[in-house]
Amino acid sequence: MTDRFNPSAPGAEKIVYVRQVRPDEMPPEAAGAAALYAIHDEAGNRIGLAPRRDLAFIAARQHDLAPVSVH
């Protein structure tokens, strides 16, 4: 295959990254939450939060995004 992958091509899924939010990164409105999972775009910008990892993946897929884990 000699074609380069073009993430903006029609039909290409946009990859997003899911990781657990560290306690020092918790937003003020999440005070008392046991854990949060952040969804980040390819530039590292946080585009969403979820209370559980599985819900972060579900939310990403519902928006036609391809989630992957980041450790």
C-alpha atoms as a PDB file:
ATOM      1  CA  MET A   1       0.000   0.000   0.000  1.00  0.00           C
ATOM      2  CA  THR A   2       1.474   3.321  -1.030  1.00  0.00           C
ATOM      3  CA  ASP A   3      -1.396   5.640  -0.099  1.00  0.00           C
ATOM      4  CA  ARG A   4      -0.861   7.790   2.957  1.00  0.00           C
ATOM      5  CA  PHE A   5      -3.559   7.850   5.614  1.00  0.00           C
ATOM      6  CA  ASN A   6      -5.563  11.056   5.518  1.00  0.00           C
ATOM      7  CA  PRO A   7      -7.511  11.495   8.786  1.00  0.00           C
ATOM      8  CA  SER A   8      -9.693  14.196   7.253  1.00  0.00           C
ATOM      9  CA  ALA A   9     -10.737  12.044   4.287  1.00  0.00           C
ATOM     10  CA  PRO A  10     -14.423  11.088   4.115  1.00  0.00           C
ATOM     11  CA  GLY A  11     -15.024   7.869   6.029  1.00  0.00           C
ATOM     12  CA  ALA A  12     -11.841   8.164   8.105  1.00  0.00           C
ATOM     13  CA  GLU A  13     -12.402   7.922  11.837  1.00  0.00           C
ATOM     14  CA  LYS A  14     -10.922  10.625  14.020  1.00  0.00           C
ATOM     15  CA  ILE A  15      -8.849   9.158  16.846  1.00  0.00           C
ATOM     16  CA  VAL A  16      -9.346  10.468  20.372  1.00  0.00           C
ATOM     17  CA  TYR A  17      -7.463   9.488  23.495  1.00  0.00           C
ATOM     18  CA  VAL A  18      -9.024   8.387  26.779  1.00  0.00           C
ATOM     19  CA  ARG A  19      -7.120   8.574  30.046  1.00  0.00           C
ATOM     20  CA  GLN A  20      -7.873   8.719  33.737  1.00  0.00           C
ATOM     21  CA  VAL A  21      -7.754  12.215  35.186  1.00  0.00           C
ATOM     22  CA  ARG A  22      -5.195  12.648  37.965  1.00  0.00           C
ATOM     23  CA  PRO A  23      -6.555  14.009  41.273  1.00  0.00           C
ATOM     24  CA  ASP A  24      -4.617  17.276  40.827  1.00  0.00           C
ATOM     25  CA  GLU A  25      -6.289  17.794  37.411  1.00  0.00           C
ATOM     26  CA  MET A  26      -9.862  17.377  38.627  1.00  0.00           C
ATOM     27  CA  PRO A  27     -12.085  20.315  37.695  1.00  0.00           C
ATOM     28  CA  PRO A  28     -13.768  22.092  40.628  1.00  0.00           C
ATOM     29  CA  GLU A  29     -17.223  20.856  39.609  1.00  0.00           C
ATOM     30  CA  ALA A  30     -16.000  17.250  40.034  1.00  0.00           C
ATOM     31  CA  ALA A  31     -15.109  17.639  43.703  1.00  0.00           C
ATOM     32  CA  GLY A  32     -15.717  14.360  45.486  1.00  0.00           C
ATOM     33  CA  ALA A  33     -15.684  12.225  42.344  1.00  0.00           C
ATOM     34  CA  ALA A  34     -13.843   8.935  42.816  1.00  0.00           C
ATOM     35  CA  ALA A  35     -12.472   8.988  39.274  1.00  0.00           C
ATOM     36  CA  LEU A  36     -12.944  10.752  35.969  1.00  0.00           C
ATOM     37  CA  TYR A  37     -11.878   9.842  32.462  1.00  0.00           C
ATOM     38  CA  ALA A  38     -10.947  12.534  29.982  1.00  0.00           C
ATOM     39  CA  ILE A  39     -11.336  12.395  26.223  1.00  0.00           C
ATOM     40  CA  HIS A  40      -8.644  14.314  24.344  1.00  0.00           C
ATOM     41  CA  ASP A  41      -8.294  15.200  20.665  1.00  0.00           C
ATOM     42  CA  GLU A  42      -5.088  14.627  18.690  1.00  0.00           C
ATOM     43  CA  ALA A  43      -3.699  17.991  19.848  1.00  0.00           C
ATOM     44  CA  GLY A  44      -4.160  17.046  23.506  1.00  0.00           C
ATOM     45  CA  ASN A  45      -7.143  19.313  24.137  1.00  0.00           C
ATOM     46  CA  ARG A  46      -9.705  17.905  26.558  1.00  0.00           C
ATOM     47  CA  ILE A  47     -12.996  17.583  24.716  1.00  0.00           C
ATOM     48  CA  GLY A  48     -14.992  15.619  27.272  1.00  0.00           C
ATOM     49  CA  LEU A  49     -15.189  13.989  30.688  1.00  0.00           C
ATOM     50  CA  ALA A  50     -16.907  10.812  31.828  1.00  0.00           C
ATOM     51  CA  PRO A  51     -17.304   9.201  35.230  1.00  0.00           C
ATOM     52  CA  ARG A  52     -16.200   5.783  33.948  1.00  0.00           C
ATOM     53  CA  ARG A  53     -13.815   4.545  31.252  1.00  0.00           C
ATOM     54  CA  ASP A  54     -16.469   2.527  29.437  1.00  0.00           C
ATOM     55  CA  LEU A  55     -18.739   5.580  29.276  1.00  0.00           C
ATOM     56  CA  ALA A  56     -15.905   7.662  27.807  1.00  0.00           C
ATOM     57  CA  PHE A  57     -15.501   5.078  25.038  1.00  0.00           C
ATOM     58  CA  ILE A  58     -19.252   4.936  24.425  1.00  0.00           C
ATOM     59  CA  ALA A  59     -19.520   8.737  24.247  1.00  0.00           C
ATOM     60  CA  ALA A  60     -16.625   8.941  21.786  1.00  0.00           C
ATOM     61  CA  ARG A  61     -18.118   6.256  19.534  1.00  0.00           C
ATOM     62  CA  GLN A  62     -21.524   7.972  19.609  1.00  0.00           C
ATOM     63  CA  HIS A  63     -19.801  11.010  18.093  1.00  0.00           C
ATOM     64  CA  ASP A  64     -18.135   8.948  15.336  1.00  0.00           C
ATOM     65  CA  LEU A  65     -14.734   9.073  17.041  1.00  0.00           C
ATOM     66  CA  ALA A  66     -12.292   6.193  17.471  1.00  0.00           C
ATOM     67  CA  PRO A  67     -11.188   6.068  21.139  1.00  0.00           C
ATOM     68  CA  VAL A  68      -7.895   4.569  22.278  1.00  0.00           C
ATOM     69  CA  SER A  69      -6.465   4.263  25.789  1.00  0.00           C
ATOM     70  CA  VAL A  70      -3.557   6.316  27.025  1.00  0.00           C
ATOM     71  CA  HIS A  71      -1.724   5.195  30.158  1.00  0.00           C
END
